[in-house]
Amino acid sequence: MAESEKDQIIRKLKAENKGLQEQIAYLRRKLFDHKSEALNPNQTSLFDKGNSVFNEPEQTGDQSSSASNQLRPKKSKKKTRREKVDSKVPVRVTIIKPVCIRVHRSC
């Protein structure tokens, strides 16, 4: 290769390298820089005195205790497996013994 060809390749690679460096810097700024939220002026504030969503105070201990005096439904007792199966249904017990294959001499 001649010196002029090498110089052209070097200039081309340096230009490409510079473009890639700029791309990396741009993407880093997009990822890691501070971001600001765009505020909509038509959006009402939650804390304005006139248009506040929070006009009524939260329940205090006295108010919440009156709600706890209400009747609660009783939990039903969980049935055991025997109680779930009707006593009139016949039950058949089957015992399956393992088949011994003469791999070990213990059989």
C-alpha atoms as a PDB file:
ATOM      1  CA  MET A   1       0.000   0.000   0.000  1.00  0.00           C
ATOM      2  CA  ALA A   2       1.150   3.460  -0.761  1.00  0.00           C
ATOM      3  CA  GLU A   3       1.429   6.157   1.901  1.00  0.00           C
ATOM      4  CA  SER A   4      -1.432   8.146   0.373  1.00  0.00           C
ATOM      5  CA  GLU A   5      -3.779   5.147   0.606  1.00  0.00           C
ATOM      6  CA  LYS A   6      -2.817   4.609   4.235  1.00  0.00           C
ATOM      7  CA  ASP A   7      -3.409   8.290   4.973  1.00  0.00           C
ATOM      8  CA  GLN A   8      -6.842   8.134   3.358  1.00  0.00           C
ATOM      9  CA  ILE A   9      -7.770   5.037   5.365  1.00  0.00           C
ATOM     10  CA  ILE A  10      -6.517   6.667   8.569  1.00  0.00           C
ATOM     11  CA  ARG A  11      -8.541   9.858   7.871  1.00  0.00           C
ATOM     12  CA  LYS A  12     -11.614   7.780   7.069  1.00  0.00           C
ATOM     13  CA  LEU A  13     -11.262   5.728  10.280  1.00  0.00           C
ATOM     14  CA  LYS A  14     -10.667   8.867  12.365  1.00  0.00           C
ATOM     15  CA  ALA A  15     -13.813  10.448  10.931  1.00  0.00           C
ATOM     16  CA  GLU A  16     -15.794   7.300  11.647  1.00  0.00           C
ATOM     17  CA  ASN A  17     -14.327   7.151  15.153  1.00  0.00           C
ATOM     18  CA  LYS A  18     -15.301  10.789  15.772  1.00  0.00           C
ATOM     19  CA  GLY A  19     -18.865  10.093  14.608  1.00  0.00           C
ATOM     20  CA  LEU A  20     -19.127   7.081  16.895  1.00  0.00           C
ATOM     21  CA  GLN A  21     -17.755   9.082  19.841  1.00  0.00           C
ATOM     22  CA  GLU A  22     -20.414  11.751  19.232  1.00  0.00           C
ATOM     23  CA  GLN A  23     -23.088   9.067  19.062  1.00  0.00           C
ATOM     24  CA  ILE A  24     -21.936   7.576  22.380  1.00  0.00           C
ATOM     25  CA  ALA A  25     -21.930  11.021  24.031  1.00  0.00           C
ATOM     26  CA  TYR A  26     -25.453  11.729  22.744  1.00  0.00           C
ATOM     27  CA  LEU A  27     -26.810   8.391  23.948  1.00  0.00           C
ATOM     28  CA  ARG A  28     -25.178   8.826  27.363  1.00  0.00           C
ATOM     29  CA  ARG A  29     -26.804  12.247  27.702  1.00  0.00           C
ATOM     30  CA  LYS A  30     -30.176  10.729  26.765  1.00  0.00           C
ATOM     31  CA  LEU A  31     -29.796   7.940  29.318  1.00  0.00           C
ATOM     32  CA  PHE A  32     -28.111   9.587  32.285  1.00  0.00           C
ATOM     33  CA  ASP A  33     -28.767  13.354  32.176  1.00  0.00           C
ATOM     34  CA  HIS A  34     -31.344  15.063  34.333  1.00  0.00           C
ATOM     35  CA  LYS A  35     -34.804  14.932  32.895  1.00  0.00           C
ATOM     36  CA  SER A  36     -37.469  17.532  33.463  1.00  0.00           C
ATOM     37  CA  GLU A  37     -41.173  16.865  33.432  1.00  0.00           C
ATOM     38  CA  ALA A  38     -43.306  19.020  31.215  1.00  0.00           C
ATOM     39  CA  LEU A  39     -46.028  20.541  33.362  1.00  0.00           C
ATOM     40  CA  ASN A  40     -49.459  20.967  31.886  1.00  0.00           C
ATOM     41  CA  PRO A  41     -50.878  24.356  32.964  1.00  0.00           C
ATOM     42  CA  ASN A  42     -54.436  23.017  32.577  1.00  0.00           C
ATOM     43  CA  GLN A  43     -53.817  20.301  35.151  1.00  0.00           C
ATOM     44  CA  THR A  44     -55.237  21.150  38.575  1.00  0.00           C
ATOM     45  CA  SER A  45     -53.108  20.826  41.646  1.00  0.00           C
ATOM     46  CA  LEU A  46     -54.007  18.352  44.352  1.00  0.00           C
ATOM     47  CA  PHE A  47     -53.021  20.820  47.057  1.00  0.00           C
ATOM     48  CA  ASP A  48     -54.746  24.067  45.965  1.00  0.00           C
ATOM     49  CA  LYS A  49     -57.103  25.395  48.622  1.00  0.00           C
ATOM     50  CA  GLY A  50     -59.993  26.028  46.223  1.00  0.00           C
ATOM     51  CA  ASN A  51     -59.865  22.928  44.008  1.00  0.00           C
ATOM     52  CA  SER A  52     -58.315  20.468  46.426  1.00  0.00           C
ATOM     53  CA  VAL A  53     -59.198  16.804  46.191  1.00  0.00           C
ATOM     54  CA  PHE A  54     -58.428  16.440  49.892  1.00  0.00           C
ATOM     55  CA  ASN A  55     -61.270  18.521  51.350  1.00  0.00           C
ATOM     56  CA  GLU A  56     -62.294  16.089  54.091  1.00  0.00           C
ATOM     57  CA  PRO A  57     -59.932  14.906  56.831  1.00  0.00           C
ATOM     58  CA  GLU A  58     -58.942  11.294  57.125  1.00  0.00           C
ATOM     59  CA  GLN A  59     -60.675   9.058  59.635  1.00  0.00           C
ATOM     60  CA  THR A  60     -59.265   9.218  63.118  1.00  0.00           C
ATOM     61  CA  GLY A  61     -59.232   6.443  65.677  1.00  0.00           C
ATOM     62  CA  ASP A  62     -62.689   7.378  67.032  1.00  0.00           C
ATOM     63  CA  GLN A  63     -64.307   7.342  63.613  1.00  0.00           C
ATOM     64  CA  SER A  64     -62.713   4.084  62.546  1.00  0.00           C
ATOM     65  CA  SER A  65     -63.741   2.269  65.747  1.00  0.00           C
ATOM     66  CA  SER A  66     -67.422   2.870  64.980  1.00  0.00           C
ATOM     67  CA  ALA A  67     -66.964   1.078  61.683  1.00  0.00           C
ATOM     68  CA  SER A  68     -65.409  -1.893  63.474  1.00  0.00           C
ATOM     69  CA  ASN A  69     -68.576  -2.349  65.609  1.00  0.00           C
ATOM     70  CA  GLN A  70     -70.469  -3.571  62.573  1.00  0.00           C
ATOM     71  CA  LEU A  71     -71.320  -7.261  62.385  1.00  0.00           C
ATOM     72  CA  ARG A  72     -68.879  -9.419  60.529  1.00  0.00           C
ATOM     73  CA  PRO A  73     -69.918 -12.668  58.916  1.00  0.00           C
ATOM     74  CA  LYS A  74     -68.789 -15.698  60.862  1.00  0.00           C
ATOM     75  CA  LYS A  75     -66.223 -17.889  59.243  1.00  0.00           C
ATOM     76  CA  SER A  76     -67.450 -21.375  58.636  1.00  0.00           C
ATOM     77  CA  LYS A  77     -65.495 -24.221  60.155  1.00  0.00           C
ATOM     78  CA  LYS A  78     -63.421 -26.052  57.592  1.00  0.00           C
ATOM     79  CA  LYS A  79     -64.569 -29.597  57.075  1.00  0.00           C
ATOM     80  CA  THR A  80     -62.173 -32.470  57.348  1.00  0.00           C
ATOM     81  CA  ARG A  81     -61.832 -34.978  54.549  1.00  0.00           C
ATOM     82  CA  ARG A  82     -64.058 -37.484  56.362  1.00  0.00           C
ATOM     83  CA  GLU A  83     -66.764 -34.889  56.838  1.00  0.00           C
ATOM     84  CA  LYS A  84     -66.682 -34.000  53.146  1.00  0.00           C
ATOM     85  CA  VAL A  85     -67.266 -37.578  52.006  1.00  0.00           C
ATOM     86  CA  ASP A  86     -70.805 -38.779  52.574  1.00  0.00           C
ATOM     87  CA  SER A  87     -70.936 -41.627  55.099  1.00  0.00           C
ATOM     88  CA  LYS A  88     -73.270 -43.580  52.797  1.00  0.00           C
ATOM     89  CA  VAL A  89     -70.682 -43.865  50.072  1.00  0.00           C
ATOM     90  CA  PRO A  90     -68.893 -47.225  50.238  1.00  0.00           C
ATOM     91  CA  VAL A  91     -65.152 -47.002  50.722  1.00  0.00           C
ATOM     92  CA  ARG A  92     -62.776 -49.584  49.288  1.00  0.00           C
ATOM     93  CA  VAL A  93     -59.214 -49.740  50.561  1.00  0.00           C
ATOM     94  CA  THR A  94     -56.655 -51.144  48.141  1.00  0.00           C
ATOM     95  CA  ILE A  95     -53.108 -51.865  49.243  1.00  0.00           C
ATOM     96  CA  ILE A  96     -50.574 -52.115  46.460  1.00  0.00           C
ATOM     97  CA  LYS A  97     -47.366 -53.911  47.303  1.00  0.00           C
ATOM     98  CA  PRO A  98     -44.251 -52.977  45.368  1.00  0.00           C
ATOM     99  CA  VAL A  99     -42.941 -55.518  42.905  1.00  0.00           C
ATOM    100  CA  CYS A 100     -39.445 -56.592  43.778  1.00  0.00           C
ATOM    101  CA  ILE A 101     -36.973 -56.728  40.947  1.00  0.00           C
ATOM    102  CA  ARG A 102     -33.923 -58.786  41.790  1.00  0.00           C
ATOM    103  CA  VAL A 103     -31.479 -55.905  41.641  1.00  0.00           C
ATOM    104  CA  HIS A 104     -30.680 -56.154  45.316  1.00  0.00           C
ATOM    105  CA  ARG A 105     -30.613 -59.308  47.382  1.00  0.00           C
ATOM    106  CA  SER A 106     -32.865 -57.832  50.086  1.00  0.00           C
ATOM    107  CA  CYS A 107     -36.076 -59.076  48.391  1.00  0.00           C
END
